[in-house]
PDB file of all heavy atoms in Angstrom:
ATOM      1  N   ALA A   1     101.022 102.988 105.397  1.00  0.00           N
ATOM      2  CA  ALA A   1     101.539 102.283 104.217  1.00  0.00           C
ATOM      3  C   ALA A   1     101.190 103.008 102.917  1.00  0.00           C
ATOM      4  O   ALA A   1     100.719 102.404 101.955  1.00  0.00           O
ATOM      5  CB  ALA A   1     101.038 100.849 104.201  1.00  0.00           C
ATOM      6  N   LYS A   2     101.432 104.292 102.896  1.00  0.00           N
ATOM      7  CA  LYS A   2     101.174 105.122 101.730  1.00  0.00           C
ATOM      8  C   LYS A   2     102.430 105.873 101.342  1.00  0.00           C
ATOM      9  O   LYS A   2     103.200 106.311 102.200  1.00  0.00           O
ATOM     10  CB  LYS A   2     100.071 106.149 101.989  1.00  0.00           C
ATOM     11  CG  LYS A   2      98.743 105.592 102.453  1.00  0.00           C
ATOM     12  CD  LYS A   2      98.061 104.760 101.398  1.00  0.00           C
ATOM     13  CE  LYS A   2      96.612 104.482 101.783  1.00  0.00           C
ATOM     14  NZ  LYS A   2      96.500 103.682 103.021  1.00  0.00           N
ATOM     15  N   CYS A   3     102.635 106.029 100.034  1.00  0.00           N
ATOM     16  CA  CYS A   3     103.539 107.045  99.552  1.00  0.00           C
ATOM     17  C   CYS A   3     102.728 108.309  99.312  1.00  0.00           C
ATOM     18  O   CYS A   3     101.788 108.299  98.510  1.00  0.00           O
ATOM     19  CB  CYS A   3     104.240 106.626  98.266  1.00  0.00           C
ATOM     20  SG  CYS A   3     105.410 107.879  97.679  1.00  0.00           S
ATOM     21  N   MET A   4     103.080 109.363 100.020  1.00  0.00           N
ATOM     22  CA  MET A   4     102.452 110.661  99.848  1.00  0.00           C
ATOM     23  C   MET A   4     103.466 111.593  99.193  1.00  0.00           C
ATOM     24  O   MET A   4     104.645 111.593  99.566  1.00  0.00           O
ATOM     25  CB  MET A   4     102.001 111.239 101.180  1.00  0.00           C
ATOM     26  CG  MET A   4     101.006 110.370 101.940  1.00  0.00           C
ATOM     27  SD  MET A   4      99.410 110.201 101.084  1.00  0.00           S
ATOM     28  CE  MET A   4      98.879 111.913 101.004  1.00  0.00           C
ATOM     29  N   ALA A   5     103.007 112.388  98.252  1.00  0.00           N
ATOM     30  CA  ALA A   5     103.929 113.219  97.486  1.00  0.00           C
ATOM     31  C   ALA A   5     103.294 114.550  97.124  1.00  0.00           C
ATOM     32  O   ALA A   5     102.070 114.696  97.093  1.00  0.00           O
ATOM     33  CB  ALA A   5     104.368 112.495  96.210  1.00  0.00           C
ATOM     34  N   TRP A   6     104.164 115.509  96.860  1.00  0.00           N
ATOM     35  CA  TRP A   6     103.776 116.785  96.288  1.00  0.00           C
ATOM     36  C   TRP A   6     104.426 116.927  94.912  1.00  0.00           C
ATOM     37  O   TRP A   6     105.632 116.692  94.756  1.00  0.00           O
ATOM     38  CB  TRP A   6     104.210 117.957  97.174  1.00  0.00           C
ATOM     39  CG  TRP A   6     103.421 118.077  98.441  1.00  0.00           C
ATOM     40  CD1 TRP A   6     103.732 117.567  99.657  1.00  0.00           C
ATOM     41  CD2 TRP A   6     102.179 118.774  98.598  1.00  0.00           C
ATOM     42  NE1 TRP A   6     102.765 117.897 100.577  1.00  0.00           N
ATOM     43  CE2 TRP A   6     101.798 118.637  99.955  1.00  0.00           C
ATOM     44  CE3 TRP A   6     101.354 119.495  97.742  1.00  0.00           C
ATOM     45  CZ2 TRP A   6     100.624 119.199 100.467  1.00  0.00           C
ATOM     46  CZ3 TRP A   6     100.189 120.053  98.236  1.00  0.00           C
ATOM     47  CH2 TRP A   6      99.835 119.900  99.588  1.00  0.00           C
ATOM     48  N   PHE A   7     103.614 117.305  93.940  1.00  0.00           N
ATOM     49  CA  PHE A   7     104.065 117.643  92.600  1.00  0.00           C
ATOM     50  C   PHE A   7     103.739 119.107  92.335  1.00  0.00           C
ATOM     51  O   PHE A   7     102.909 119.716  93.023  1.00  0.00           O
ATOM     52  CB  PHE A   7     103.367 116.780  91.547  1.00  0.00           C
ATOM     53  CG  PHE A   7     103.846 115.358  91.479  1.00  0.00           C
ATOM     54  CD1 PHE A   7     103.534 114.444  92.468  1.00  0.00           C
ATOM     55  CD2 PHE A   7     104.597 114.928  90.390  1.00  0.00           C
ATOM     56  CE1 PHE A   7     103.961 113.133  92.395  1.00  0.00           C
ATOM     57  CE2 PHE A   7     105.027 113.611  90.301  1.00  0.00           C
ATOM     58  CZ  PHE A   7     104.711 112.718  91.305  1.00  0.00           C
ATOM     59  N   ARG A   8     104.373 119.668  91.318  1.00  0.00           N
ATOM     60  CA  ARG A   8     104.019 121.010  90.876  1.00  0.00           C
ATOM     61  C   ARG A   8     104.115 121.090  89.361  1.00  0.00           C
ATOM     62  O   ARG A   8     104.873 120.358  88.732  1.00  0.00           O
ATOM     63  CB  ARG A   8     104.902 122.076  91.531  1.00  0.00           C
ATOM     64  CG  ARG A   8     106.364 122.009  91.135  1.00  0.00           C
ATOM     65  CD  ARG A   8     107.178 123.013  91.946  1.00  0.00           C
ATOM     66  NE  ARG A   8     108.582 122.988  91.580  1.00  0.00           N
ATOM     67  CZ  ARG A   8     109.528 123.665  92.209  1.00  0.00           C
ATOM     68  NH1 ARG A   8     109.213 124.442  93.249  1.00  0.00           N
ATOM     69  NH2 ARG A   8     110.790 123.589  91.807  1.00  0.00           N
ATOM     70  N   GLN A   9     103.334 122.000  88.802  1.00  0.00           N
ATOM     71  CA  GLN A   9     103.338 122.207  87.365  1.00  0.00           C
ATOM     72  C   GLN A   9     103.277 123.698  87.072  1.00  0.00           C
ATOM     73  O   GLN A   9     102.300 124.369  87.415  1.00  0.00           O
ATOM     74  CB  GLN A   9     102.173 121.486  86.695  1.00  0.00           C
ATOM     75  CG  GLN A   9     102.251 121.499  85.177  1.00  0.00           C
ATOM     76  CD  GLN A   9     101.358 120.460  84.541  1.00  0.00           C
ATOM     77  OE1 GLN A   9     100.411 119.969  85.147  1.00  0.00           O
ATOM     78  NE2 GLN A   9     101.670 120.102  83.302  1.00  0.00           N
ATOM     79  N   ALA A  10     104.342 124.206  86.464  1.00  0.00           N
ATOM     80  CA  ALA A  10     104.408 125.592  86.037  1.00  0.00           C
ATOM     81  C   ALA A  10     103.895 125.705  84.608  1.00  0.00           C
ATOM     82  O   ALA A  10     103.893 124.723  83.859  1.00  0.00           O
ATOM     83  CB  ALA A  10     105.842 126.106  86.130  1.00  0.00           C
ATOM     84  N   PRO A  11     103.464 126.905  84.194  1.00  0.00           N
ATOM     85  CA  PRO A  11     102.966 127.076  82.827  1.00  0.00           C
ATOM     86  C   PRO A  11     103.990 126.634  81.783  1.00  0.00           C
ATOM     87  O   PRO A  11     105.158 127.008  81.852  1.00  0.00           O
ATOM     88  CB  PRO A  11     102.703 128.576  82.739  1.00  0.00           C
ATOM     89  CG  PRO A  11     102.434 128.991  84.147  1.00  0.00           C
ATOM     90  CD  PRO A  11     103.345 128.137  84.981  1.00  0.00           C
ATOM     91  N   GLY A  12     103.546 125.808  80.843  1.00  0.00           N
ATOM     92  CA  GLY A  12     104.405 125.349  79.767  1.00  0.00           C
ATOM     93  C   GLY A  12     105.383 124.260  80.135  1.00  0.00           C
ATOM     94  O   GLY A  12     106.200 123.868  79.293  1.00  0.00           O
ATOM     95  N   LYS A  13     105.328 123.752  81.367  1.00  0.00           N
ATOM     96  CA  LYS A  13     106.258 122.727  81.815  1.00  0.00           C
ATOM     97  C   LYS A  13     105.519 121.466  82.243  1.00  0.00           C
ATOM     98  O   LYS A  13     104.328 121.494  82.528  1.00  0.00           O
ATOM     99  CB  LYS A  13     107.112 123.242  82.980  1.00  0.00           C
ATOM    100  CG  LYS A  13     108.022 124.401  82.612  1.00  0.00           C
ATOM    101  CD  LYS A  13     108.925 124.776  83.770  1.00  0.00           C
ATOM    102  CE  LYS A  13     109.873 125.888  83.393  1.00  0.00           C
ATOM    103  NZ  LYS A  13     110.770 126.248  84.529  1.00  0.00           N
ATOM    104  N   GLU A  14     106.248 120.356  82.277  1.00  0.00           N
ATOM    105  CA  GLU A  14     105.679 119.098  82.735  1.00  0.00           C
ATOM    106  C   GLU A  14     105.511 119.100  84.248  1.00  0.00           C
ATOM    107  O   GLU A  14     106.202 119.823  84.966  1.00  0.00           O
ATOM    108  CB  GLU A  14     106.569 117.929  82.314  1.00  0.00           C
ATOM    109  CG  GLU A  14     106.664 117.735  80.814  1.00  0.00           C
ATOM    110  CD  GLU A  14     107.487 116.524  80.437  1.00  0.00           C
ATOM    111  OE1 GLU A  14     108.051 115.878  81.351  1.00  0.00           O
ATOM    112  OE2 GLU A  14     107.566 116.216  79.246  1.00  0.00           O
ATOM    113  N   ARG A  15     104.582 118.270  84.722  1.00  0.00           N
ATOM    114  CA  ARG A  15     104.398 118.119  86.152  1.00  0.00           C
ATOM    115  C   ARG A  15     105.631 117.471  86.767  1.00  0.00           C
ATOM    116  O   ARG A  15     106.121 116.439  86.299  1.00  0.00           O
ATOM    117  CB  ARG A  15     103.146 117.289  86.440  1.00  0.00           C
ATOM    118  CG  ARG A  15     102.699 117.356  87.886  1.00  0.00           C
ATOM    119  CD  ARG A  15     101.301 116.777  88.065  1.00  0.00           C
ATOM    120  NE  ARG A  15     100.300 117.541  87.333  1.00  0.00           N
ATOM    121  CZ  ARG A  15      98.988 117.347  87.426  1.00  0.00           C
ATOM    122  NH1 ARG A  15      98.511 116.402  88.237  1.00  0.00           N
ATOM    123  NH2 ARG A  15      98.156 118.085  86.714  1.00  0.00           N
ATOM    124  N   GLU A  16     106.141 118.074  87.847  1.00  0.00           N
ATOM    125  CA  GLU A  16     107.414 117.717  88.447  1.00  0.00           C
ATOM    126  C   GLU A  16     107.210 117.231  89.873  1.00  0.00           C
ATOM    127  O   GLU A  16     106.542 117.890  90.669  1.00  0.00           O
ATOM    128  CB  GLU A  16     108.341 118.938  88.445  1.00  0.00           C
ATOM    129  CG  GLU A  16     109.646 118.753  89.199  1.00  0.00           C
ATOM    130  CD  GLU A  16     110.383 120.057  89.405  1.00  0.00           C
ATOM    131  OE1 GLU A  16     109.717 121.112  89.577  1.00  0.00           O
ATOM    132  OE2 GLU A  16     111.633 120.035  89.381  1.00  0.00           O
ATOM    133  N   GLY A  17     107.807 116.097  90.216  1.00  0.00           N
ATOM    134  CA  GLY A  17     107.797 115.640  91.594  1.00  0.00           C
ATOM    135  C   GLY A  17     108.682 116.514  92.459  1.00  0.00           C
ATOM    136  O   GLY A  17     109.843 116.759  92.124  1.00  0.00           O
ATOM    137  N   VAL A  18     108.152 116.988  93.581  1.00  0.00           N
ATOM    138  CA  VAL A  18     108.848 117.923  94.459  1.00  0.00           C
ATOM    139  C   VAL A  18     109.346 117.247  95.729  1.00  0.00           C
ATOM    140  O   VAL A  18     110.501 117.415  96.125  1.00  0.00           O
ATOM    141  CB  VAL A  18     107.935 119.105  94.815  1.00  0.00           C
ATOM    142  CG1 VAL A  18     108.606 120.029  95.825  1.00  0.00           C
ATOM    143  CG2 VAL A  18     107.549 119.882  93.556  1.00  0.00           C
ATOM    144  N   ALA A  19     108.478 116.492  96.392  1.00  0.00           N
ATOM    145  CA  ALA A  19     108.814 115.888  97.670  1.00  0.00           C
ATOM    146  C   ALA A  19     107.945 114.670  97.901  1.00  0.00           C
ATOM    147  O   ALA A  19     106.816 114.594  97.406  1.00  0.00           O
ATOM    148  CB  ALA A  19     108.617 116.888  98.815  1.00  0.00           C
ATOM    149  N   SER A  20     108.458 113.709  98.666  1.00  0.00           N
ATOM    150  CA  SER A  20     107.686 112.527  99.007  1.00  0.00           C
ATOM    151  C   SER A  20     108.032 112.054 100.398  1.00  0.00           C
ATOM    152  O   SER A  20     109.118 112.341 100.920  1.00  0.00           O
ATOM    153  CB  SER A  20     107.910 111.398  97.993  1.00  0.00           C
ATOM    154  OG  SER A  20     109.247 110.928  98.041  1.00  0.00           O
ATOM    155  N   ILE A  21     107.101 111.317 100.997  1.00  0.00           N
ATOM    156  CA  ILE A  21     107.331 110.705 102.296  1.00  0.00           C
ATOM    157  C   ILE A  21     106.592 109.375 102.340  1.00  0.00           C
ATOM    158  O   ILE A  21     105.443 109.291 101.903  1.00  0.00           O
ATOM    159  CB  ILE A  21     106.901 111.642 103.451  1.00  0.00           C
ATOM    160  CG1 ILE A  21     107.297 111.066 104.806  1.00  0.00           C
ATOM    161  CG2 ILE A  21     105.403 111.946 103.391  1.00  0.00           C
ATOM    162  CD1 ILE A  21     107.176 112.074 105.942  1.00  0.00           C
ATOM    163  N   TYR A  22     107.265 108.334 102.819  1.00  0.00           N
ATOM    164  CA  TYR A  22     106.590 107.061 103.044  1.00  0.00           C
ATOM    165  C   TYR A  22     106.071 107.066 104.473  1.00  0.00           C
ATOM    166  O   TYR A  22     106.829 107.232 105.429  1.00  0.00           O
ATOM    167  CB  TYR A  22     107.519 105.867 102.807  1.00  0.00           C
ATOM    168  CG  TYR A  22     106.749 104.577 102.872  1.00  0.00           C
ATOM    169  CD1 TYR A  22     105.781 104.294 101.912  1.00  0.00           C
ATOM    170  CD2 TYR A  22     106.932 103.671 103.909  1.00  0.00           C
ATOM    171  CE1 TYR A  22     105.027 103.131 101.973  1.00  0.00           C
ATOM    172  CE2 TYR A  22     106.183 102.506 103.974  1.00  0.00           C
ATOM    173  CZ  TYR A  22     105.230 102.247 103.005  1.00  0.00           C
ATOM    174  OH  TYR A  22     104.484 101.094 103.071  1.00  0.00           O
ATOM    175  N   THR A  23     104.765 106.875 104.621  1.00  0.00           N
ATOM    176  CA  THR A  23     104.093 107.207 105.871  1.00  0.00           C
ATOM    177  C   THR A  23     104.387 106.258 107.021  1.00  0.00           C
ATOM    178  O   THR A  23     104.146 106.621 108.172  1.00  0.00           O
ATOM    179  CB  THR A  23     102.583 107.281 105.660  1.00  0.00           C
ATOM    180  OG1 THR A  23     102.119 106.030 105.144  1.00  0.00           O
ATOM    181  CG2 THR A  23     102.224 108.402 104.694  1.00  0.00           C
ATOM    182  N   THR A  24     104.891 105.059 106.748  1.00  0.00           N
ATOM    183  CA  THR A  24     105.172 104.095 107.798  1.00  0.00           C
ATOM    184  C   THR A  24     106.667 104.031 108.132  1.00  0.00           C
ATOM    185  O   THR A  24     107.115 103.156 108.865  1.00  0.00           O
ATOM    186  CB  THR A  24     104.635 102.709 107.418  1.00  0.00           C
ATOM    187  OG1 THR A  24     103.328 102.848 106.854  1.00  0.00           O
ATOM    188  CG2 THR A  24     104.532 101.808 108.637  1.00  0.00           C
ATOM    189  N   GLY A  25     107.440 104.939 107.587  1.00  0.00           N
ATOM    190  CA  GLY A  25     108.858 105.002 107.876  1.00  0.00           C
ATOM    191  C   GLY A  25     109.667 105.347 106.650  1.00  0.00           C
ATOM    192  O   GLY A  25     109.177 105.292 105.520  1.00  0.00           O
ATOM    193  N   GLY A  26     110.914 105.702 106.876  1.00  0.00           N
ATOM    194  CA  GLY A  26     111.791 106.093 105.794  1.00  0.00           C
ATOM    195  C   GLY A  26     111.984 107.593 105.750  1.00  0.00           C
ATOM    196  O   GLY A  26     111.174 108.358 106.278  1.00  0.00           O
ATOM    197  N   SER A  27     113.054 108.002 105.117  1.00  0.00           N
ATOM    198  CA  SER A  27     113.400 109.415 105.051  1.00  0.00           C
ATOM    199  C   SER A  27     112.629 110.109 103.943  1.00  0.00           C
ATOM    200  O   SER A  27     112.443 109.546 102.863  1.00  0.00           O
ATOM    201  CB  SER A  27     114.898 109.584 104.809  1.00  0.00           C
ATOM    202  OG  SER A  27     115.654 109.023 105.860  1.00  0.00           O
ATOM    203  N   PRO A  28     112.199 111.348 104.193  1.00  0.00           N
ATOM    204  CA  PRO A  28     111.612 112.132 103.113  1.00  0.00           C
ATOM    205  C   PRO A  28     112.622 112.367 101.999  1.00  0.00           C
ATOM    206  O   PRO A  28     113.834 112.356 102.226  1.00  0.00           O
ATOM    207  CB  PRO A  28     111.238 113.450 103.793  1.00  0.00           C
ATOM    208  CG  PRO A  28     111.152 113.123 105.250  1.00  0.00           C
ATOM    209  CD  PRO A  28     112.184 112.062 105.480  1.00  0.00           C
ATOM    210  N   SER A  29     112.115 112.571 100.800  1.00  0.00           N
ATOM    211  CA  SER A  29     112.948 112.793  99.637  1.00  0.00           C
ATOM    212  C   SER A  29     112.502 114.057  98.928  1.00  0.00           C
ATOM    213  O   SER A  29     111.309 114.373  98.905  1.00  0.00           O
ATOM    214  CB  SER A  29     112.862 111.592  98.691  1.00  0.00           C
ATOM    215  OG  SER A  29     113.731 111.741  97.590  1.00  0.00           O
ATOM    216  N   TYR A  30     113.477 114.780  98.320  1.00  0.00           N
ATOM    217  CA  TYR A  30     113.200 116.059  97.687  1.00  0.00           C
ATOM    218  C   TYR A  30     113.947 116.180  96.371  1.00  0.00           C
ATOM    219  O   TYR A  30     115.065 115.665  96.219  1.00  0.00           O
ATOM    220  CB  TYR A  30     113.638 117.226  98.587  1.00  0.00           C
ATOM    221  CG  TYR A  30     113.031 117.199  99.958  1.00  0.00           C
ATOM    222  CD1 TYR A  30     113.672 116.565 101.015  1.00  0.00           C
ATOM    223  CD2 TYR A  30     111.803 117.809 100.201  1.00  0.00           C
ATOM    224  CE1 TYR A  30     113.105 116.536 102.280  1.00  0.00           C
ATOM    225  CE2 TYR A  30     111.233 117.786 101.464  1.00  0.00           C
ATOM    226  CZ  TYR A  30     111.892 117.144 102.498  1.00  0.00           C
ATOM    227  OH  TYR A  30     111.326 117.120 103.749  1.00  0.00           O
ATOM    228  N   VAL A  31     113.336 116.891  95.445  1.00  0.00           N
ATOM    229  CA  VAL A  31     114.051 117.249  94.237  1.00  0.00           C
ATOM    230  C   VAL A  31     115.140 118.266  94.599  1.00  0.00           C
ATOM    231  O   VAL A  31     114.992 119.053  95.551  1.00  0.00           O
ATOM    232  CB  VAL A  31     113.072 117.815  93.182  1.00  0.00           C
ATOM    233  CG1 VAL A  31     112.504 119.150  93.603  1.00  0.00           C
ATOM    234  CG2 VAL A  31     113.719 117.886  91.814  1.00  0.00           C
ATOM    235  N   ASP A  32     116.260 118.241  93.868  1.00  0.00           N
ATOM    236  CA  ASP A  32     117.416 119.053  94.238  1.00  0.00           C
ATOM    237  C   ASP A  32     117.089 120.538  94.373  1.00  0.00           C
ATOM    238  O   ASP A  32     117.639 121.222  95.245  1.00  0.00           O
ATOM    239  CB  ASP A  32     118.540 118.878  93.214  1.00  0.00           C
ATOM    240  CG  ASP A  32     119.245 117.546  93.333  1.00  0.00           C
ATOM    241  OD1 ASP A  32     119.080 116.859  94.358  1.00  0.00           O
ATOM    242  OD2 ASP A  32     119.982 117.193  92.393  1.00  0.00           O
ATOM    243  N   SER A  33     116.207 121.043  93.541  1.00  0.00           N
ATOM    244  CA  SER A  33     115.931 122.472  93.513  1.00  0.00           C
ATOM    245  C   SER A  33     115.253 122.997  94.783  1.00  0.00           C
ATOM    246  O   SER A  33     115.252 124.205  95.013  1.00  0.00           O
ATOM    247  CB  SER A  33     115.078 122.828  92.295  1.00  0.00           C
ATOM    248  OG  SER A  33     113.839 122.141  92.322  1.00  0.00           O
ATOM    249  N   VAL A  34     114.688 122.114  95.622  1.00  0.00           N
ATOM    250  CA  VAL A  34     114.015 122.562  96.832  1.00  0.00           C
ATOM    251  C   VAL A  34     114.696 122.077  98.105  1.00  0.00           C
ATOM    252  O   VAL A  34     114.255 122.437  99.209  1.00  0.00           O
ATOM    253  CB  VAL A  34     112.528 122.155  96.855  1.00  0.00           C
ATOM    254  CG1 VAL A  34     111.843 122.558  95.558  1.00  0.00           C
ATOM    255  CG2 VAL A  34     112.359 120.662  97.116  1.00  0.00           C
ATOM    256  N   LYS A  35     115.757 121.305  98.004  1.00  0.00           N
ATOM    257  CA  LYS A  35     116.439 120.799  99.193  1.00  0.00           C
ATOM    258  C   LYS A  35     116.941 121.942 100.064  1.00  0.00           C
ATOM    259  O   LYS A  35     117.532 122.895  99.579  1.00  0.00           O
ATOM    260  CB  LYS A  35     117.607 119.893  98.796  1.00  0.00           C
ATOM    261  CG  LYS A  35     117.181 118.533  98.282  1.00  0.00           C
ATOM    262  CD  LYS A  35     118.383 117.671  97.905  1.00  0.00           C
ATOM    263  CE  LYS A  35     117.938 116.308  97.415  1.00  0.00           C
ATOM    264  NZ  LYS A  35     119.081 115.477  96.977  1.00  0.00           N
ATOM    265  N   GLY A  36     116.693 121.827 101.358  1.00  0.00           N
ATOM    266  CA  GLY A  36     117.076 122.866 102.296  1.00  0.00           C
ATOM    267  C   GLY A  36     116.061 123.969 102.448  1.00  0.00           C
ATOM    268  O   GLY A  36     116.183 124.797 103.361  1.00  0.00           O
ATOM    269  N   ARG A  37     115.057 124.005 101.578  1.00  0.00           N
ATOM    270  CA  ARG A  37     114.028 125.043 101.633  1.00  0.00           C
ATOM    271  C   ARG A  37     112.640 124.487 101.940  1.00  0.00           C
ATOM    272  O   ARG A  37     111.849 125.152 102.609  1.00  0.00           O
ATOM    273  CB  ARG A  37     113.971 125.811 100.310  1.00  0.00           C
ATOM    274  CG  ARG A  37     115.278 126.502  99.953  1.00  0.00           C
ATOM    275  CD  ARG A  37     115.109 127.426  98.741  1.00  0.00           C
ATOM    276  NE  ARG A  37     114.711 126.699  97.537  1.00  0.00           N
ATOM    277  CZ  ARG A  37     113.577 126.911  96.868  1.00  0.00           C
ATOM    278  NH1 ARG A  37     112.718 127.847  97.283  1.00  0.00           N
ATOM    279  NH2 ARG A  37     113.308 126.216  95.775  1.00  0.00           N
TER     280      ARG A  37
END
């Protein structure tokens, strides 16, 4: 029952959500720039 996520922060930019998964079910979600990779 956790939302687990990865964020990233490049120099000079805001922290960006990259991917998430709900641990008890549901589909993973991705920011458009990393989908398929």
